[in-house]
C-alpha atoms as a PDB file:
ATOM      1  CA  UNK A   1      25.612 -20.119 -30.879  1.00  0.00           C
ATOM      2  CA  UNK A   2      23.842 -21.740 -27.911  1.00  0.00           C
ATOM      3  CA  UNK A   3      25.842 -19.535 -25.374  1.00  0.00           C
ATOM      4  CA  UNK A   4      24.965 -16.396 -27.371  1.00  0.00           C
ATOM      5  CA  UNK A   5      21.319 -17.325 -27.282  1.00  0.00           C
ATOM      6  CA  UNK A   6      21.275 -18.068 -23.603  1.00  0.00           C
ATOM      7  CA  UNK A   7      22.531 -14.525 -23.070  1.00  0.00           C
ATOM      8  CA  UNK A   8      20.310 -12.881 -25.682  1.00  0.00           C
ATOM      9  CA  UNK A   9      17.084 -14.584 -24.639  1.00  0.00           C
ATOM     10  CA  UNK A  10      16.951 -12.890 -21.167  1.00  0.00           C
ATOM     11  CA  UNK A  11      18.002  -9.554 -22.445  1.00  0.00           C
ATOM     12  CA  UNK A  12      15.247  -9.843 -25.159  1.00  0.00           C
ATOM     13  CA  UNK A  13      12.660  -9.907 -22.349  1.00  0.00           C
ATOM     14  CA  UNK A  14      14.364  -7.028 -20.535  1.00  0.00           C
ATOM     15  CA  UNK A  15      14.215  -5.021 -23.778  1.00  0.00           C
ATOM     16  CA  UNK A  16      10.550  -5.796 -23.860  1.00  0.00           C
ATOM     17  CA  UNK A  17      10.229  -4.099 -20.415  1.00  0.00           C
ATOM     18  CA  UNK A  18      12.010  -0.920 -21.716  1.00  0.00           C
ATOM     19  CA  UNK A  19       9.829  -0.982 -24.754  1.00  0.00           C
ATOM     20  CA  UNK A  20       6.667  -1.324 -22.949  1.00  0.00           C
ATOM     21  CA  UNK A  21       7.349   1.435 -20.391  1.00  0.00           C
ATOM     22  CA  UNK A  22       8.791   3.653 -23.222  1.00  0.00           C
ATOM     23  CA  UNK A  23       5.815   3.160 -25.363  1.00  0.00           C
ATOM     24  CA  UNK A  24       3.356   3.933 -22.410  1.00  0.00           C
ATOM     25  CA  UNK A  25       5.403   7.098 -21.672  1.00  0.00           C
ATOM     26  CA  UNK A  26       5.260   8.204 -25.285  1.00  0.00           C
ATOM     27  CA  UNK A  27       1.515   7.798 -25.392  1.00  0.00           C
ATOM     28  CA  UNK A  28       1.194   9.511 -22.112  1.00  0.00           C
ATOM     29  CA  UNK A  29       3.224  12.363 -23.417  1.00  0.00           C
ATOM     30  CA  UNK A  30       0.317  12.940 -25.873  1.00  0.00           C
ATOM     31  CA  UNK A  31      -2.588  12.195 -23.577  1.00  0.00           C
ATOM     32  CA  UNK A  32      -1.312  14.573 -20.994  1.00  0.00           C
ATOM     33  CA  UNK A  33      -2.664  17.464 -23.084  1.00  0.00           C
ATOM     34  CA  UNK A  34      -6.294  16.159 -22.590  1.00  0.00           C
ATOM     35  CA  UNK A  35      -8.375  17.725 -19.730  1.00  0.00           C
ATOM     36  CA  UNK A  36      -7.550  16.297 -16.443  1.00  0.00           C
ATOM     37  CA  UNK A  37     -10.798  14.620 -15.793  1.00  0.00           C
ATOM     38  CA  UNK A  38     -10.867  13.026 -19.291  1.00  0.00           C
ATOM     39  CA  UNK A  39      -7.410  11.690 -18.739  1.00  0.00           C
ATOM     40  CA  UNK A  40      -8.335  10.264 -15.347  1.00  0.00           C
ATOM     41  CA  UNK A  41     -11.419   8.587 -16.835  1.00  0.00           C
ATOM     42  CA  UNK A  42      -9.408   7.013 -19.598  1.00  0.00           C
ATOM     43  CA  UNK A  43      -6.830   5.642 -17.068  1.00  0.00           C
ATOM     44  CA  UNK A  44      -9.625   4.193 -14.822  1.00  0.00           C
ATOM     45  CA  UNK A  45     -11.354   2.576 -17.753  1.00  0.00           C
ATOM     46  CA  UNK A  46      -8.212   0.880 -18.808  1.00  0.00           C
ATOM     47  CA  UNK A  47      -7.342  -0.310 -15.210  1.00  0.00           C
ATOM     48  CA  UNK A  48     -10.826  -1.570 -14.369  1.00  0.00           C
ATOM     49  CA  UNK A  49     -11.781  -2.816 -17.817  1.00  0.00           C
ATOM     50  CA  UNK A  50      -8.872  -4.266 -19.559  1.00  0.00           C
ATOM     51  CA  UNK A  51      -9.464  -7.715 -18.213  1.00  0.00           C
ATOM     52  CA  UNK A  52     -12.795  -7.703 -20.322  1.00  0.00           C
ATOM     53  CA  UNK A  53     -10.324  -8.378 -23.253  1.00  0.00           C
ATOM     54  CA  UNK A  54      -8.729 -11.469 -21.644  1.00  0.00           C
ATOM     55  CA  UNK A  55     -10.835 -13.881 -23.678  1.00  0.00           C
ATOM     56  CA  UNK A  56      -9.815 -12.270 -27.078  1.00  0.00           C
ATOM     57  CA  UNK A  57      -7.227 -14.445 -28.815  1.00  0.00           C
ATOM     58  CA  UNK A  58      -5.620 -13.597 -32.199  1.00  0.00           C
ATOM     59  CA  UNK A  59      -3.534 -16.492 -33.590  1.00  0.00           C
ATOM     60  CA  UNK A  60      -3.401 -15.649 -37.222  1.00  0.00           C
ATOM     61  CA  UNK A  61      -1.927 -13.907 -39.309  1.00  0.00           C
ATOM     62  CA  UNK A  62       1.274 -13.594 -37.324  1.00  0.00           C
ATOM     63  CA  UNK A  63       1.533  -9.891 -37.511  1.00  0.00           C
ATOM     64  CA  UNK A  64      -1.989  -9.305 -36.130  1.00  0.00           C
ATOM     65  CA  UNK A  65      -1.248 -11.908 -33.307  1.00  0.00           C
ATOM     66  CA  UNK A  66       2.031 -10.240 -32.434  1.00  0.00           C
ATOM     67  CA  UNK A  67       0.227  -6.764 -32.549  1.00  0.00           C
ATOM     68  CA  UNK A  68      -2.398  -8.007 -30.189  1.00  0.00           C
ATOM     69  CA  UNK A  69       0.140  -9.576 -27.864  1.00  0.00           C
ATOM     70  CA  UNK A  70       2.095  -6.326 -27.680  1.00  0.00           C
ATOM     71  CA  UNK A  71      -1.138  -4.469 -26.743  1.00  0.00           C
ATOM     72  CA  UNK A  72      -2.611  -6.915 -24.187  1.00  0.00           C
ATOM     73  CA  UNK A  73      -2.033 -10.608 -24.148  1.00  0.00           C
ATOM     74  CA  UNK A  74       1.092 -12.580 -22.865  1.00  0.00           C
ATOM     75  CA  UNK A  75       1.815 -15.077 -25.800  1.00  0.00           C
ATOM     76  CA  UNK A  76       4.507 -17.625 -26.577  1.00  0.00           C
ATOM     77  CA  UNK A  77       5.540 -18.066 -30.206  1.00  0.00           C
ATOM     78  CA  UNK A  78       7.245 -21.291 -31.006  1.00  0.00           C
ATOM     79  CA  UNK A  79       9.215 -20.781 -34.136  1.00  0.00           C
ATOM     80  CA  UNK A  80      11.087 -24.154 -34.123  1.00  0.00           C
ATOM     81  CA  UNK A  81      10.560 -27.364 -32.176  1.00  0.00           C
ATOM     82  CA  UNK A  82      13.111 -26.179 -29.540  1.00  0.00           C
ATOM     83  CA  UNK A  83      12.717 -22.378 -29.847  1.00  0.00           C
ATOM     84  CA  UNK A  84      10.075 -20.429 -28.105  1.00  0.00           C
ATOM     85  CA  UNK A  85       9.954 -16.661 -27.880  1.00  0.00           C
ATOM     86  CA  UNK A  86       7.603 -14.904 -25.291  1.00  0.00           C
ATOM     87  CA  UNK A  87       5.809 -11.565 -25.640  1.00  0.00           C
ATOM     88  CA  UNK A  88       5.644 -11.030 -21.925  1.00  0.00           C
ATOM     89  CA  UNK A  89       4.918  -7.328 -21.268  1.00  0.00           C
ATOM     90  CA  UNK A  90       1.860  -6.063 -23.173  1.00  0.00           C
ATOM     91  CA  UNK A  91       1.622  -2.333 -22.699  1.00  0.00           C
ATOM     92  CA  UNK A  92      -2.042  -1.543 -22.484  1.00  0.00           C
ATOM     93  CA  UNK A  93      -2.597  -2.401 -18.698  1.00  0.00           C
ATOM     94  CA  UNK A  94       0.676  -0.583 -17.756  1.00  0.00           C
ATOM     95  CA  UNK A  95      -0.442   2.380 -19.576  1.00  0.00           C
ATOM     96  CA  UNK A  96      -3.720   2.542 -17.678  1.00  0.00           C
ATOM     97  CA  UNK A  97      -1.906   2.329 -14.417  1.00  0.00           C
ATOM     98  CA  UNK A  98       0.653   4.881 -15.594  1.00  0.00           C
ATOM     99  CA  UNK A  99      -2.058   7.368 -16.555  1.00  0.00           C
ATOM    100  CA  UNK A 100      -3.814   6.947 -13.001  1.00  0.00           C
ATOM    101  CA  UNK A 101      -0.418   7.471 -11.372  1.00  0.00           C
ATOM    102  CA  UNK A 102       0.214  10.604 -13.568  1.00  0.00           C
ATOM    103  CA  UNK A 103      -3.267  11.939 -12.470  1.00  0.00           C
ATOM    104  CA  UNK A 104      -2.377  11.116  -8.866  1.00  0.00           C
ATOM    105  CA  UNK A 105       0.528  13.555  -9.051  1.00  0.00           C
ATOM    106  CA  UNK A 106      -2.029  16.348  -9.082  1.00  0.00           C
ATOM    107  CA  UNK A 107      -2.424  15.711  -5.360  1.00  0.00           C
ATOM    108  CA  UNK A 108       1.138  17.264  -4.927  1.00  0.00           C
ATOM    109  CA  UNK A 109       0.561  20.408  -6.771  1.00  0.00           C
ATOM    110  CA  UNK A 110       1.123  23.720  -5.025  1.00  0.00           C
ATOM    111  CA  UNK A 111      -1.970  24.840  -2.850  1.00  0.00           C
ATOM    112  CA  UNK A 112      -2.925  21.197  -2.009  1.00  0.00           C
ATOM    113  CA  UNK A 113      -3.417  20.848   1.715  1.00  0.00           C
ATOM    114  CA  UNK A 114      -1.060  18.143   2.996  1.00  0.00           C
ATOM    115  CA  UNK A 115      -3.570  16.880   5.486  1.00  0.00           C
ATOM    116  CA  UNK A 116      -6.310  16.459   3.037  1.00  0.00           C
ATOM    117  CA  UNK A 117      -3.798  14.726   0.633  1.00  0.00           C
ATOM    118  CA  UNK A 118      -2.761  12.181   3.305  1.00  0.00           C
ATOM    119  CA  UNK A 119      -6.417  11.540   4.177  1.00  0.00           C
ATOM    120  CA  UNK A 120      -7.242  11.045   0.567  1.00  0.00           C
ATOM    121  CA  UNK A 121      -4.263   8.703  -0.067  1.00  0.00           C
ATOM    122  CA  UNK A 122      -5.330   6.549   2.965  1.00  0.00           C
ATOM    123  CA  UNK A 123      -8.942   6.316   2.041  1.00  0.00           C
ATOM    124  CA  UNK A 124      -8.073   5.528  -1.600  1.00  0.00           C
ATOM    125  CA  UNK A 125      -5.664   2.786  -0.525  1.00  0.00           C
ATOM    126  CA  UNK A 126      -8.224   1.293   1.776  1.00  0.00           C
ATOM    127  CA  UNK A 127     -10.749   1.343  -0.931  1.00  0.00           C
ATOM    128  CA  UNK A 128      -8.381  -0.426  -3.265  1.00  0.00           C
ATOM    129  CA  UNK A 129      -7.690  -3.052  -0.679  1.00  0.00           C
ATOM    130  CA  UNK A 130     -11.349  -3.683  -0.072  1.00  0.00           C
ATOM    131  CA  UNK A 131     -12.065  -3.833  -3.649  1.00  0.00           C
ATOM    132  CA  UNK A 132      -9.368  -6.423  -4.042  1.00  0.00           C
ATOM    133  CA  UNK A 133     -10.718  -8.605  -1.322  1.00  0.00           C
ATOM    134  CA  UNK A 134     -14.328  -8.310  -2.561  1.00  0.00           C
ATOM    135  CA  UNK A 135     -13.647  -8.894  -6.216  1.00  0.00           C
ATOM    136  CA  UNK A 136     -11.192 -11.678  -5.561  1.00  0.00           C
ATOM    137  CA  UNK A 137     -13.469 -13.360  -3.150  1.00  0.00           C
ATOM    138  CA  UNK A 138     -16.328 -13.420  -5.782  1.00  0.00           C
ATOM    139  CA  UNK A 139     -13.881 -15.118  -8.090  1.00  0.00           C
ATOM    140  CA  UNK A 140     -15.443 -13.811 -11.331  1.00  0.00           C
ATOM    141  CA  UNK A 141     -13.521 -11.017 -12.688  1.00  0.00           C
ATOM    142  CA  UNK A 142     -10.297  -9.067 -12.508  1.00  0.00           C
ATOM    143  CA  UNK A 143      -7.696 -11.944 -12.965  1.00  0.00           C
ATOM    144  CA  UNK A 144      -7.304 -14.693 -15.606  1.00  0.00           C
ATOM    145  CA  UNK A 145      -6.561 -17.200 -12.728  1.00  0.00           C
ATOM    146  CA  UNK A 146      -9.309 -18.138 -10.204  1.00  0.00           C
ATOM    147  CA  UNK A 147      -8.388 -19.046  -6.760  1.00  0.00           C
ATOM    148  CA  UNK A 148      -9.411 -22.294  -5.005  1.00  0.00           C
ATOM    149  CA  UNK A 149      -9.339 -23.917  -1.693  1.00  0.00           C
ATOM    150  CA  UNK A 150      -6.053 -25.758  -0.966  1.00  0.00           C
ATOM    151  CA  UNK A 151      -4.771 -28.209   1.500  1.00  0.00           C
ATOM    152  CA  UNK A 152      -4.224 -25.828   4.185  1.00  0.00           C
ATOM    153  CA  UNK A 153      -5.394 -22.292   5.075  1.00  0.00           C
ATOM    154  CA  UNK A 154      -2.036 -20.896   4.491  1.00  0.00           C
ATOM    155  CA  UNK A 155      -1.849 -22.296   0.948  1.00  0.00           C
ATOM    156  CA  UNK A 156      -5.399 -21.069   0.239  1.00  0.00           C
ATOM    157  CA  UNK A 157      -4.286 -17.583   1.204  1.00  0.00           C
ATOM    158  CA  UNK A 158      -1.265 -17.841  -1.086  1.00  0.00           C
ATOM    159  CA  UNK A 159      -3.537 -18.857  -3.944  1.00  0.00           C
ATOM    160  CA  UNK A 160      -5.986 -16.047  -2.965  1.00  0.00           C
ATOM    161  CA  UNK A 161      -3.216 -13.463  -3.474  1.00  0.00           C
ATOM    162  CA  UNK A 162      -1.564 -15.137  -6.436  1.00  0.00           C
ATOM    163  CA  UNK A 163      -2.581 -12.765  -9.026  1.00  0.00           C
ATOM    164  CA  UNK A 164      -1.348 -12.149 -12.557  1.00  0.00           C
ATOM    165  CA  UNK A 165       1.488  -9.585 -13.148  1.00  0.00           C
ATOM    166  CA  UNK A 166       2.351 -10.335 -16.768  1.00  0.00           C
ATOM    167  CA  UNK A 167       0.159  -8.425 -17.943  1.00  0.00           C
ATOM    168  CA  UNK A 168      -0.948  -6.819 -14.557  1.00  0.00           C
ATOM    169  CA  UNK A 169      -4.541  -7.673 -13.840  1.00  0.00           C
ATOM    170  CA  UNK A 170      -6.989  -5.454 -12.087  1.00  0.00           C
ATOM    171  CA  UNK A 171      -6.618  -7.481  -8.957  1.00  0.00           C
ATOM    172  CA  UNK A 172      -2.800  -7.373  -9.035  1.00  0.00           C
ATOM    173  CA  UNK A 173      -2.963  -3.580  -9.361  1.00  0.00           C
ATOM    174  CA  UNK A 174      -5.553  -3.261  -6.503  1.00  0.00           C
ATOM    175  CA  UNK A 175      -3.370  -5.619  -4.271  1.00  0.00           C
ATOM    176  CA  UNK A 176      -0.129  -3.914  -4.750  1.00  0.00           C
ATOM    177  CA  UNK A 177      -1.056  -0.175  -5.118  1.00  0.00           C
ATOM    178  CA  UNK A 178      -3.709  -0.148  -2.354  1.00  0.00           C
ATOM    179  CA  UNK A 179      -1.167  -0.923   0.421  1.00  0.00           C
ATOM    180  CA  UNK A 180       1.333   1.404  -1.302  1.00  0.00           C
ATOM    181  CA  UNK A 181      -1.092   4.311  -1.041  1.00  0.00           C
ATOM    182  CA  UNK A 182      -1.769   3.591   2.624  1.00  0.00           C
ATOM    183  CA  UNK A 183       1.938   3.503   3.362  1.00  0.00           C
ATOM    184  CA  UNK A 184       2.438   6.695   1.536  1.00  0.00           C
ATOM    185  CA  UNK A 185      -0.196   8.395   3.507  1.00  0.00           C
ATOM    186  CA  UNK A 186       1.798   7.704   6.703  1.00  0.00           C
ATOM    187  CA  UNK A 187       5.405   8.335   5.494  1.00  0.00           C
ATOM    188  CA  UNK A 188       5.042  11.781   3.564  1.00  0.00           C
ATOM    189  CA  UNK A 189       6.766  13.746   6.347  1.00  0.00           C
ATOM    190  CA  UNK A 190       9.298  10.981   7.439  1.00  0.00           C
ATOM    191  CA  UNK A 191      12.977  12.159   7.190  1.00  0.00           C
ATOM    192  CA  UNK A 192      15.739   9.975   8.328  1.00  0.00           C
ATOM    193  CA  UNK A 193      18.659   8.038   6.750  1.00  0.00           C
ATOM    194  CA  UNK A 194      16.443   5.364   5.254  1.00  0.00           C
ATOM    195  CA  UNK A 195      14.125   7.826   3.669  1.00  0.00           C
ATOM    196  CA  UNK A 196      16.955   9.736   2.176  1.00  0.00           C
ATOM    197  CA  UNK A 197      18.401   6.392   0.963  1.00  0.00           C
ATOM    198  CA  UNK A 198      15.395   5.223  -0.963  1.00  0.00           C
ATOM    199  CA  UNK A 199      14.729   8.701  -2.349  1.00  0.00           C
ATOM    200  CA  UNK A 200      17.837   8.277  -4.358  1.00  0.00           C
ATOM    201  CA  UNK A 201      16.015   5.495  -6.313  1.00  0.00           C
ATOM    202  CA  UNK A 202      12.753   7.408  -6.311  1.00  0.00           C
ATOM    203  CA  UNK A 203      14.343  10.234  -8.215  1.00  0.00           C
ATOM    204  CA  UNK A 204      15.440   8.124 -11.042  1.00  0.00           C
ATOM    205  CA  UNK A 205      13.019   5.220 -11.166  1.00  0.00           C
ATOM    206  CA  UNK A 206      13.277   4.275 -14.776  1.00  0.00           C
ATOM    207  CA  UNK A 207      17.085   4.539 -14.750  1.00  0.00           C
ATOM    208  CA  UNK A 208      17.117   2.154 -11.850  1.00  0.00           C
ATOM    209  CA  UNK A 209      14.688  -0.218 -13.385  1.00  0.00           C
ATOM    210  CA  UNK A 210      16.782  -0.556 -16.561  1.00  0.00           C
ATOM    211  CA  UNK A 211      19.927  -1.037 -14.675  1.00  0.00           C
ATOM    212  CA  UNK A 212      18.483  -3.490 -12.126  1.00  0.00           C
ATOM    213  CA  UNK A 213      17.025  -5.785 -14.665  1.00  0.00           C
ATOM    214  CA  UNK A 214      20.330  -6.113 -16.733  1.00  0.00           C
ATOM    215  CA  UNK A 215      22.437  -6.476 -13.718  1.00  0.00           C
ATOM    216  CA  UNK A 216      20.214  -8.964 -12.086  1.00  0.00           C
ATOM    217  CA  UNK A 217      20.105 -11.045 -15.423  1.00  0.00           C
ATOM    218  CA  UNK A 218      23.880 -10.857 -15.794  1.00  0.00           C
ATOM    219  CA  UNK A 219      24.371 -12.070 -12.316  1.00  0.00           C
ATOM    220  CA  UNK A 220      21.929 -14.896 -13.013  1.00  0.00           C
ATOM    221  CA  UNK A 221      23.979 -16.035 -15.985  1.00  0.00           C
ATOM    222  CA  UNK A 222      27.256 -15.722 -14.270  1.00  0.00           C
ATOM    223  CA  UNK A 223      25.996 -17.998 -11.396  1.00  0.00           C
ATOM    224  CA  UNK A 224      24.530 -20.302 -14.010  1.00  0.00           C
ATOM    225  CA  UNK A 225      27.871 -20.887 -15.787  1.00  0.00           C
ATOM    226  CA  UNK A 226      30.324 -20.818 -12.793  1.00  0.00           C
ATOM    227  CA  UNK A 227      28.288 -23.545 -11.085  1.00  0.00           C
ATOM    228  CA  UNK A 228      29.129 -26.044 -13.888  1.00  0.00           C
ATOM    229  CA  UNK A 229      26.096 -25.710 -16.120  1.00  0.00           C
ATOM    230  CA  UNK A 230      26.260 -25.178 -19.777  1.00  0.00           C
ATOM    231  CA  UNK A 231      24.178 -25.142 -22.941  1.00  0.00           C
ATOM    232  CA  UNK A 232      22.952 -28.624 -22.340  1.00  0.00           C
ATOM    233  CA  UNK A 233      21.140 -27.401 -19.201  1.00  0.00           C
ATOM    234  CA  UNK A 234      19.152 -24.973 -21.115  1.00  0.00           C
ATOM    235  CA  UNK A 235      15.536 -25.727 -22.106  1.00  0.00           C
ATOM    236  CA  UNK A 236      14.463 -23.810 -25.215  1.00  0.00           C
ATOM    237  CA  UNK A 237      10.959 -25.387 -25.358  1.00  0.00           C
ATOM    238  CA  UNK A 238       9.405 -23.336 -22.695  1.00  0.00           C
ATOM    239  CA  UNK A 239       8.876 -19.538 -22.214  1.00  0.00           C
ATOM    240  CA  UNK A 240      11.948 -19.272 -20.004  1.00  0.00           C
ATOM    241  CA  UNK A 241      14.931 -21.197 -21.149  1.00  0.00           C
ATOM    242  CA  UNK A 242      16.677 -21.953 -17.687  1.00  0.00           C
ATOM    243  CA  UNK A 243      15.436 -25.117 -16.118  1.00  0.00           C
ATOM    244  CA  UNK A 244      13.555 -25.001 -12.880  1.00  0.00           C
ATOM    245  CA  UNK A 245      16.334 -26.970 -10.971  1.00  0.00           C
ATOM    246  CA  UNK A 246      18.765 -24.183 -11.766  1.00  0.00           C
ATOM    247  CA  UNK A 247      17.538 -21.968  -9.014  1.00  0.00           C
ATOM    248  CA  UNK A 248      18.937 -21.146  -5.532  1.00  0.00           C
ATOM    249  CA  UNK A 249      17.661 -21.039  -1.954  1.00  0.00           C
ATOM    250  CA  UNK A 250      15.572 -18.163  -1.020  1.00  0.00           C
ATOM    251  CA  UNK A 251      18.134 -16.793   1.370  1.00  0.00           C
ATOM    252  CA  UNK A 252      20.751 -16.605  -1.307  1.00  0.00           C
ATOM    253  CA  UNK A 253      18.168 -14.777  -3.576  1.00  0.00           C
ATOM    254  CA  UNK A 254      17.468 -12.232  -0.757  1.00  0.00           C
ATOM    255  CA  UNK A 255      21.334 -11.646  -0.440  1.00  0.00           C
ATOM    256  CA  UNK A 256      21.621 -11.020  -4.181  1.00  0.00           C
ATOM    257  CA  UNK A 257      18.593  -8.708  -4.197  1.00  0.00           C
ATOM    258  CA  UNK A 258      20.132  -6.608  -1.347  1.00  0.00           C
ATOM    259  CA  UNK A 259      23.451  -6.453  -3.123  1.00  0.00           C
ATOM    260  CA  UNK A 260      21.921  -5.330  -6.206  1.00  0.00           C
ATOM    261  CA  UNK A 261      20.169  -2.578  -4.536  1.00  0.00           C
ATOM    262  CA  UNK A 262      23.313  -1.436  -2.803  1.00  0.00           C
ATOM    263  CA  UNK A 263      25.503  -1.713  -5.930  1.00  0.00           C
ATOM    264  CA  UNK A 264      22.961   0.537  -7.885  1.00  0.00           C
ATOM    265  CA  UNK A 265      22.628   3.127  -5.229  1.00  0.00           C
ATOM    266  CA  UNK A 266      25.926   4.826  -6.534  1.00  0.00           C
ATOM    267  CA  UNK A 267      25.062   5.075 -10.416  1.00  0.00           C
ATOM    268  CA  UNK A 268      21.461   6.256  -9.248  1.00  0.00           C
ATOM    269  CA  UNK A 269      22.993   8.877  -6.909  1.00  0.00           C
ATOM    270  CA  UNK A 270      25.344   9.937  -9.804  1.00  0.00           C
ATOM    271  CA  UNK A 271      22.462  10.236 -12.290  1.00  0.00           C
ATOM    272  CA  UNK A 272      20.147  11.971  -9.824  1.00  0.00           C
ATOM    273  CA  UNK A 273      22.685  14.693  -9.310  1.00  0.00           C
ATOM    274  CA  UNK A 274      23.539  14.894 -13.048  1.00  0.00           C
ATOM    275  CA  UNK A 275      19.740  15.230 -13.924  1.00  0.00           C
ATOM    276  CA  UNK A 276      19.227  17.875 -11.336  1.00  0.00           C
ATOM    277  CA  UNK A 277      22.252  19.730 -12.707  1.00  0.00           C
ATOM    278  CA  UNK A 278      20.920  19.698 -16.295  1.00  0.00           C
ATOM    279  CA  UNK A 279      17.352  21.009 -15.989  1.00  0.00           C
ATOM    280  CA  UNK A 280      17.438  22.373 -19.620  1.00  0.00           C
ATOM    281  CA  UNK A 281      17.660  18.750 -20.988  1.00  0.00           C
ATOM    282  CA  UNK A 282      14.087  17.699 -20.917  1.00  0.00           C
ATOM    283  CA  UNK A 283      14.851  14.114 -22.124  1.00  0.00           C
ATOM    284  CA  UNK A 284      16.534  13.361 -18.849  1.00  0.00           C
ATOM    285  CA  UNK A 285      13.144  13.765 -17.071  1.00  0.00           C
ATOM    286  CA  UNK A 286      12.005  10.459 -18.915  1.00  0.00           C
ATOM    287  CA  UNK A 287      14.747   8.429 -17.105  1.00  0.00           C
END
């Protein structure tokens, strides 16, 4: 039973990811019929305003608490003294970001001047970066965790950029999407072996995401057990069952990360070709 639980806990979190993205996609499939400007405003309001909801806590009844957690708040639920389940992927912030990203796709419509698009992406990215620095420096809004001066400047910098991903805060979005837009503005016309390599993943992003979380988690459990650990090394009192000392050096993590990317290249390439060869199946476009 313990072994089954060890396996099922991690996959339960991964299913949350799929549920969150899937639910956001379903909602967006309805919202897409709204006028473009209204849809963009809705996305921007969610992205810039969802942190206003951070202070709202719903503990009882359980069904209401669970519903609010699914919408906005990361929440652990302790059902037994040694059994805690975590709702880690509230969907509202991701929905807002997905809506804005969907609206951004209008920049790539036919008739849009490429030079103007790249200029827009660069300016938008720089604005996002500047907003991140400004709002984060004020230390008042945009993330549940405030930064503070540390023992060294480097540690202070790390604390400054340590923003909340679960759920993604406004500052996390600005910090990550801003540089991505700037990079996108410079790499649109790049064509080489590396760009062709990463385009394989870009054509099937959700497919890659689903595969990679399950593969990484499976590898983690394999490493966990083959190194001599067992059910006694699992701590069920926290949000994540594996104890902190069960980790590996960063260089090993990088090797595993690169290996996972290479392994998944082949199923992603197959699925990309399969999807391109079956344009009549609209459901494939969601994966």
